[in-house]
Amino acid sequence: MKLNRWTRLKGQLDLPGTAESTEVQRVDCYTKPARWFWQTLEEVEIWALPDGRQVRASRRGGEGWLLAWRAA
């Protein structure tokens, strides 16, 4: 999975096994505090696909976004 283009509320997600990008909508965003002194804050965004599935995008510091299916 790869989140291509996005604005504050809408984005395009490339899913494995599909030829075209899927439009997604951001439904939640928050910042998780660091649990230990060596960790940094974690930015989290929840994106919803038209079929109801959700993707969790997260990153710490300057790292890239890590995408995973969100458990229902």
PDB file of N, CA and C in Angstrom:
ATOM      1  N   MET A   1       0.841  -1.173   0.000  1.00  0.00           N
ATOM      2  CA  MET A   1       0.000   0.000   0.000  1.00  0.00           C
ATOM      3  C   MET A   1       0.885   1.235   0.000  1.00  0.00           C
ATOM      4  N   LYS A   2       0.382   2.256  -0.663  1.00  0.00           N
ATOM      5  CA  LYS A   2       1.114   3.516  -0.689  1.00  0.00           C
ATOM      6  C   LYS A   2       0.115   4.653  -0.770  1.00  0.00           C
ATOM      7  N   LEU A   3       0.263   5.629   0.119  1.00  0.00           N
ATOM      8  CA  LEU A   3      -0.575   6.819   0.094  1.00  0.00           C
ATOM      9  C   LEU A   3       0.093   7.825  -0.825  1.00  0.00           C
ATOM     10  N   ASN A   4      -0.563   8.113  -1.958  1.00  0.00           N
ATOM     11  CA  ASN A   4       0.049   8.967  -2.971  1.00  0.00           C
ATOM     12  C   ASN A   4      -0.150  10.440  -2.685  1.00  0.00           C
ATOM     13  N   ARG A   5      -1.262  10.965  -3.116  1.00  0.00           N
ATOM     14  CA  ARG A   5      -1.531  12.383  -2.964  1.00  0.00           C
ATOM     15  C   ARG A   5      -2.612  12.552  -1.916  1.00  0.00           C
ATOM     16  N   TRP A   6      -2.453  13.562  -1.076  1.00  0.00           N
ATOM     17  CA  TRP A   6      -3.502  13.802  -0.106  1.00  0.00           C
ATOM     18  C   TRP A   6      -3.562  15.272   0.282  1.00  0.00           C
ATOM     19  N   THR A   7      -4.741  15.669   0.692  1.00  0.00           N
ATOM     20  CA  THR A   7      -4.970  16.989   1.265  1.00  0.00           C
ATOM     21  C   THR A   7      -5.350  16.741   2.718  1.00  0.00           C
ATOM     22  N   ARG A   8      -5.957  17.712   3.357  1.00  0.00           N
ATOM     23  CA  ARG A   8      -6.332  17.510   4.761  1.00  0.00           C
ATOM     24  C   ARG A   8      -7.357  16.403   4.940  1.00  0.00           C
ATOM     25  N   LEU A   9      -8.270  16.234   3.975  1.00  0.00           N
ATOM     26  CA  LEU A   9      -9.368  15.291   4.173  1.00  0.00           C
ATOM     27  C   LEU A   9      -9.470  14.182   3.136  1.00  0.00           C
ATOM     28  N   LYS A  10      -8.833  14.317   1.972  1.00  0.00           N
ATOM     29  CA  LYS A  10      -8.959  13.307   0.915  1.00  0.00           C
ATOM     30  C   LYS A  10      -7.582  12.903   0.421  1.00  0.00           C
ATOM     31  N   GLY A  11      -7.506  11.674  -0.090  1.00  0.00           N
ATOM     32  CA  GLY A  11      -6.239  11.180  -0.606  1.00  0.00           C
ATOM     33  C   GLY A  11      -6.445  10.093  -1.634  1.00  0.00           C
ATOM     34  N   GLN A  12      -5.342   9.611  -2.205  1.00  0.00           N
ATOM     35  CA  GLN A  12      -5.340   8.515  -3.163  1.00  0.00           C
ATOM     36  C   GLN A  12      -4.450   7.418  -2.602  1.00  0.00           C
ATOM     37  N   LEU A  13      -4.971   6.207  -2.567  1.00  0.00           N
ATOM     38  CA  LEU A  13      -4.246   5.074  -2.003  1.00  0.00           C
ATOM     39  C   LEU A  13      -4.054   4.015  -3.076  1.00  0.00           C
ATOM     40  N   ASP A  14      -2.812   3.563  -3.261  1.00  0.00           N
ATOM     41  CA  ASP A  14      -2.515   2.455  -4.171  1.00  0.00           C
ATOM     42  C   ASP A  14      -2.571   1.165  -3.376  1.00  0.00           C
ATOM     43  N   LEU A  15      -3.470   0.275  -3.757  1.00  0.00           N
ATOM     44  CA  LEU A  15      -3.606  -1.017  -3.090  1.00  0.00           C
ATOM     45  C   LEU A  15      -2.923  -2.094  -3.916  1.00  0.00           C
ATOM     46  N   PRO A  16      -2.317  -3.091  -3.277  1.00  0.00           N
ATOM     47  CA  PRO A  16      -1.690  -4.173  -4.034  1.00  0.00           C
ATOM     48  C   PRO A  16      -2.732  -4.958  -4.828  1.00  0.00           C
ATOM     49  N   GLY A  17      -2.398  -5.294  -6.063  1.00  0.00           N
ATOM     50  CA  GLY A  17      -3.296  -6.085  -6.900  1.00  0.00           C
ATOM     51  C   GLY A  17      -4.321  -5.275  -7.658  1.00  0.00           C
ATOM     52  N   THR A  18      -4.289  -3.958  -7.536  1.00  0.00           N
ATOM     53  CA  THR A  18      -5.218  -3.111  -8.295  1.00  0.00           C
ATOM     54  C   THR A  18      -4.425  -2.190  -9.206  1.00  0.00           C
ATOM     55  N   ALA A  19      -4.998  -1.888 -10.364  1.00  0.00           N
ATOM     56  CA  ALA A  19      -4.299  -1.058 -11.340  1.00  0.00           C
ATOM     57  C   ALA A  19      -4.492   0.432 -11.072  1.00  0.00           C
ATOM     58  N   GLU A  20      -5.623   0.795 -10.481  1.00  0.00           N
ATOM     59  CA  GLU A  20      -5.923   2.212 -10.275  1.00  0.00           C
ATOM     60  C   GLU A  20      -5.864   2.573  -8.794  1.00  0.00           C
ATOM     61  N   SER A  21      -5.640   3.857  -8.530  1.00  0.00           N
ATOM     62  CA  SER A  21      -5.653   4.345  -7.158  1.00  0.00           C
ATOM     63  C   SER A  21      -7.086   4.408  -6.646  1.00  0.00           C
ATOM     64  N   THR A  22      -7.242   4.224  -5.355  1.00  0.00           N
ATOM     65  CA  THR A  22      -8.538   4.291  -4.711  1.00  0.00           C
ATOM     66  C   THR A  22      -8.620   5.578  -3.906  1.00  0.00           C
ATOM     67  N   GLU A  23      -9.725   6.300  -4.036  1.00  0.00           N
ATOM     68  CA  GLU A  23      -9.893   7.531  -3.267  1.00  0.00           C
ATOM     69  C   GLU A  23     -10.240   7.175  -1.826  1.00  0.00           C
ATOM     70  N   VAL A  24      -9.576   7.822  -0.891  1.00  0.00           N
ATOM     71  CA  VAL A  24      -9.816   7.584   0.535  1.00  0.00           C
ATOM     72  C   VAL A  24     -10.127   8.913   1.212  1.00  0.00           C
ATOM     73  N   GLN A  25     -10.768   8.825   2.364  1.00  0.00           N
ATOM     74  CA  GLN A  25     -11.133  10.013   3.121  1.00  0.00           C
ATOM     75  C   GLN A  25     -10.592   9.881   4.537  1.00  0.00           C
ATOM     76  N   ARG A  26      -9.959  10.942   5.031  1.00  0.00           N
ATOM     77  CA  ARG A  26      -9.425  10.898   6.391  1.00  0.00           C
ATOM     78  C   ARG A  26     -10.567  11.057   7.386  1.00  0.00           C
ATOM     79  N   VAL A  27     -10.650  10.138   8.345  1.00  0.00           N
ATOM     80  CA  VAL A  27     -11.724  10.172   9.328  1.00  0.00           C
ATOM     81  C   VAL A  27     -11.217  10.521  10.728  1.00  0.00           C
ATOM     82  N   ASP A  28      -9.907  10.435  10.962  1.00  0.00           N
ATOM     83  CA  ASP A  28      -9.376  10.756  12.279  1.00  0.00           C
ATOM     84  C   ASP A  28      -7.886  11.037  12.177  1.00  0.00           C
ATOM     85  N   CYS A  29      -7.386  11.887  13.050  1.00  0.00           N
ATOM     86  CA  CYS A  29      -5.944  12.112  13.169  1.00  0.00           C
ATOM     87  C   CYS A  29      -5.657  12.517  14.608  1.00  0.00           C
ATOM     88  N   TYR A  30      -4.529  12.044  15.126  1.00  0.00           N
ATOM     89  CA  TYR A  30      -4.144  12.375  16.491  1.00  0.00           C
ATOM     90  C   TYR A  30      -2.645  12.154  16.649  1.00  0.00           C
ATOM     91  N   THR A  31      -2.107  12.623  17.757  1.00  0.00           N
ATOM     92  CA  THR A  31      -0.699  12.453  18.066  1.00  0.00           C
ATOM     93  C   THR A  31      -0.576  11.614  19.330  1.00  0.00           C
ATOM     94  N   LYS A  32       0.149  10.511  19.225  1.00  0.00           N
ATOM     95  CA  LYS A  32       0.394   9.661  20.389  1.00  0.00           C
ATOM     96  C   LYS A  32       1.666  10.151  21.081  1.00  0.00           C
ATOM     97  N   PRO A  33       1.618  10.368  22.384  1.00  0.00           N
ATOM     98  CA  PRO A  33       2.834  10.788  23.089  1.00  0.00           C
ATOM     99  C   PRO A  33       3.861   9.662  23.145  1.00  0.00           C
ATOM    100  N   ALA A  34       5.095  10.036  23.342  1.00  0.00           N
ATOM    101  CA  ALA A  34       6.169   9.049  23.474  1.00  0.00           C
ATOM    102  C   ALA A  34       5.994   8.295  24.787  1.00  0.00           C
ATOM    103  N   ARG A  35       6.253   6.986  24.762  1.00  0.00           N
ATOM    104  CA  ARG A  35       6.128   6.177  25.985  1.00  0.00           C
ATOM    105  C   ARG A  35       7.427   6.187  26.800  1.00  0.00           C
ATOM    106  N   TRP A  36       8.549   6.305  26.125  1.00  0.00           N
ATOM    107  CA  TRP A  36       9.847   6.276  26.783  1.00  0.00           C
ATOM    108  C   TRP A  36      10.642   7.499  26.367  1.00  0.00           C
ATOM    109  N   PHE A  37      11.652   7.860  27.111  1.00  0.00           N
ATOM    110  CA  PHE A  37      12.393   9.093  26.852  1.00  0.00           C
ATOM    111  C   PHE A  37      13.131   9.084  25.521  1.00  0.00           C
ATOM    112  N   TRP A  38      13.455   7.909  24.967  1.00  0.00           N
ATOM    113  CA  TRP A  38      14.194   7.847  23.700  1.00  0.00           C
ATOM    114  C   TRP A  38      13.269   7.854  22.487  1.00  0.00           C
ATOM    115  N   GLN A  39      11.988   7.751  22.706  1.00  0.00           N
ATOM    116  CA  GLN A  39      11.043   7.758  21.592  1.00  0.00           C
ATOM    117  C   GLN A  39      10.590   9.178  21.266  1.00  0.00           C
ATOM    118  N   THR A  40      10.087   9.344  20.059  1.00  0.00           N
ATOM    119  CA  THR A  40       9.504  10.623  19.656  1.00  0.00           C
ATOM    120  C   THR A  40       7.989  10.469  19.547  1.00  0.00           C
ATOM    121  N   LEU A  41       7.301  11.579  19.398  1.00  0.00           N
ATOM    122  CA  LEU A  41       5.856  11.538  19.210  1.00  0.00           C
ATOM    123  C   LEU A  41       5.520  10.760  17.951  1.00  0.00           C
ATOM    124  N   GLU A  42       4.347  10.155  17.928  1.00  0.00           N
ATOM    125  CA  GLU A  42       3.893   9.416  16.754  1.00  0.00           C
ATOM    126  C   GLU A  42       2.649  10.105  16.190  1.00  0.00           C
ATOM    127  N   GLU A  43       2.733  10.513  14.917  1.00  0.00           N
ATOM    128  CA  GLU A  43       1.572  11.077  14.234  1.00  0.00           C
ATOM    129  C   GLU A  43       0.760   9.926  13.647  1.00  0.00           C
ATOM    130  N   VAL A  44      -0.558   9.943  13.842  1.00  0.00           N
ATOM    131  CA  VAL A  44      -1.420   8.873  13.358  1.00  0.00           C
ATOM    132  C   VAL A  44      -2.587   9.480  12.594  1.00  0.00           C
ATOM    133  N   GLU A  45      -2.880   8.913  11.425  1.00  0.00           N
ATOM    134  CA  GLU A  45      -4.045   9.302  10.635  1.00  0.00           C
ATOM    135  C   GLU A  45      -4.807   8.042  10.257  1.00  0.00           C
ATOM    136  N   ILE A  46      -6.131   8.103  10.319  1.00  0.00           N
ATOM    137  CA  ILE A  46      -6.984   6.987   9.936  1.00  0.00           C
ATOM    138  C   ILE A  46      -7.702   7.383   8.648  1.00  0.00           C
ATOM    139  N   TRP A  47      -7.559   6.541   7.616  1.00  0.00           N
ATOM    140  CA  TRP A  47      -8.161   6.794   6.306  1.00  0.00           C
ATOM    141  C   TRP A  47      -9.193   5.714   6.025  1.00  0.00           C
ATOM    142  N   ALA A  48     -10.353   6.107   5.494  1.00  0.00           N
ATOM    143  CA  ALA A  48     -11.436   5.160   5.195  1.00  0.00           C
ATOM    144  C   ALA A  48     -11.586   4.984   3.689  1.00  0.00           C
ATOM    145  N   LEU A  49     -11.675   3.723   3.252  1.00  0.00           N
ATOM    146  CA  LEU A  49     -11.949   3.401   1.854  1.00  0.00           C
ATOM    147  C   LEU A  49     -13.452   3.427   1.631  1.00  0.00           C
ATOM    148  N   PRO A  50     -13.898   3.560   0.371  1.00  0.00           N
ATOM    149  CA  PRO A  50     -15.339   3.589   0.083  1.00  0.00           C
ATOM    150  C   PRO A  50     -16.085   2.340   0.548  1.00  0.00           C
ATOM    151  N   ASP A  51     -15.405   1.182   0.624  1.00  0.00           N
ATOM    152  CA  ASP A  51     -16.078  -0.057   1.040  1.00  0.00           C
ATOM    153  C   ASP A  51     -16.120  -0.242   2.563  1.00  0.00           C
ATOM    154  N   GLY A  52     -15.637   0.735   3.321  1.00  0.00           N
ATOM    155  CA  GLY A  52     -15.720   0.684   4.767  1.00  0.00           C
ATOM    156  C   GLY A  52     -14.440   0.258   5.479  1.00  0.00           C
ATOM    157  N   ARG A  53     -13.491  -0.320   4.752  1.00  0.00           N
ATOM    158  CA  ARG A  53     -12.224  -0.704   5.382  1.00  0.00           C
ATOM    159  C   ARG A  53     -11.445   0.550   5.773  1.00  0.00           C
ATOM    160  N   GLN A  54     -10.570   0.411   6.762  1.00  0.00           N
ATOM    161  CA  GLN A  54      -9.789   1.550   7.223  1.00  0.00           C
ATOM    162  C   GLN A  54      -8.302   1.225   7.211  1.00  0.00           C
ATOM    163  N   VAL A  55      -7.510   2.259   6.935  1.00  0.00           N
ATOM    164  CA  VAL A  55      -6.054   2.144   6.903  1.00  0.00           C
ATOM    165  C   VAL A  55      -5.492   3.100   7.948  1.00  0.00           C
ATOM    166  N   ARG A  56      -4.530   2.609   8.739  1.00  0.00           N
ATOM    167  CA  ARG A  56      -3.868   3.434   9.741  1.00  0.00           C
ATOM    168  C   ARG A  56      -2.510   3.849   9.187  1.00  0.00           C
ATOM    169  N   ALA A  57      -2.270   5.148   9.103  1.00  0.00           N
ATOM    170  CA  ALA A  57      -0.986   5.684   8.658  1.00  0.00           C
ATOM    171  C   ALA A  57      -0.302   6.314   9.867  1.00  0.00           C
ATOM    172  N   SER A  58       0.948   5.954  10.107  1.00  0.00           N
ATOM    173  CA  SER A  58       1.658   6.503  11.263  1.00  0.00           C
ATOM    174  C   SER A  58       3.106   6.776  10.906  1.00  0.00           C
ATOM    175  N   ARG A  59       3.681   7.738  11.615  1.00  0.00           N
ATOM    176  CA  ARG A  59       5.109   8.031  11.450  1.00  0.00           C
ATOM    177  C   ARG A  59       5.640   8.675  12.718  1.00  0.00           C
ATOM    178  N   ARG A  60       6.918   8.456  12.946  1.00  0.00           N
ATOM    179  CA  ARG A  60       7.620   9.048  14.088  1.00  0.00           C
ATOM    180  C   ARG A  60       8.699   9.970  13.549  1.00  0.00           C
ATOM    181  N   GLY A  61       8.713  11.181  14.024  1.00  0.00           N
ATOM    182  CA  GLY A  61       9.745  12.129  13.621  1.00  0.00           C
ATOM    183  C   GLY A  61       9.742  12.359  12.124  1.00  0.00           C
ATOM    184  N   GLY A  62      10.912  12.307  11.498  1.00  0.00           N
ATOM    185  CA  GLY A  62      11.044  12.552  10.070  1.00  0.00           C
ATOM    186  C   GLY A  62      10.953  11.314   9.209  1.00  0.00           C
ATOM    187  N   GLU A  63      10.582  10.186   9.797  1.00  0.00           N
ATOM    188  CA  GLU A  63      10.488   8.942   9.033  1.00  0.00           C
ATOM    189  C   GLU A  63       9.302   8.998   8.083  1.00  0.00           C
ATOM    190  N   GLY A  64       9.274   8.080   7.130  1.00  0.00           N
ATOM    191  CA  GLY A  64       8.156   7.987   6.194  1.00  0.00           C
ATOM    192  C   GLY A  64       6.927   7.383   6.856  1.00  0.00           C
ATOM    193  N   TRP A  65       5.818   7.445   6.141  1.00  0.00           N
ATOM    194  CA  TRP A  65       4.552   6.912   6.657  1.00  0.00           C
ATOM    195  C   TRP A  65       4.543   5.395   6.583  1.00  0.00           C
ATOM    196  N   LEU A  66       4.088   4.751   7.636  1.00  0.00           N
ATOM    197  CA  LEU A  66       3.906   3.310   7.700  1.00  0.00           C
ATOM    198  C   LEU A  66       2.407   3.038   7.628  1.00  0.00           C
ATOM    199  N   LEU A  67       1.976   2.262   6.633  1.00  0.00           N
ATOM    200  CA  LEU A  67       0.547   1.992   6.437  1.00  0.00           C
ATOM    201  C   LEU A  67       0.201   0.554   6.837  1.00  0.00           C
ATOM    202  N   ALA A  68      -0.938   0.407   7.498  1.00  0.00           N
ATOM    203  CA  ALA A  68      -1.406  -0.920   7.915  1.00  0.00           C
ATOM    204  C   ALA A  68      -2.924  -0.909   7.962  1.00  0.00           C
ATOM    205  N   TRP A  69      -3.520  -2.074   7.707  1.00  0.00           N
ATOM    206  CA  TRP A  69      -4.966  -2.187   7.845  1.00  0.00           C
ATOM    207  C   TRP A  69      -5.323  -1.986   9.307  1.00  0.00           C
ATOM    208  N   ARG A  70      -6.392  -1.261   9.556  1.00  0.00           N
ATOM    209  CA  ARG A  70      -6.811  -1.004  10.944  1.00  0.00           C
ATOM    210  C   ARG A  70      -7.850  -2.048  11.340  1.00  0.00           C
ATOM    211  N   ALA A  71      -7.646  -2.619  12.514  1.00  0.00           N
ATOM    212  CA  ALA A  71      -8.597  -3.608  13.030  1.00  0.00           C
ATOM    213  C   ALA A  71      -9.935  -2.938  13.335  1.00  0.00           C
ATOM    214  N   ALA A  72     -11.012  -3.630  13.032  1.00  0.00           N
ATOM    215  CA  ALA A  72     -12.343  -3.058  13.249  1.00  0.00           C
ATOM    216  C   ALA A  72     -12.753  -3.129  14.692  1.00  0.00           C
TER     217      ALA A  72
END
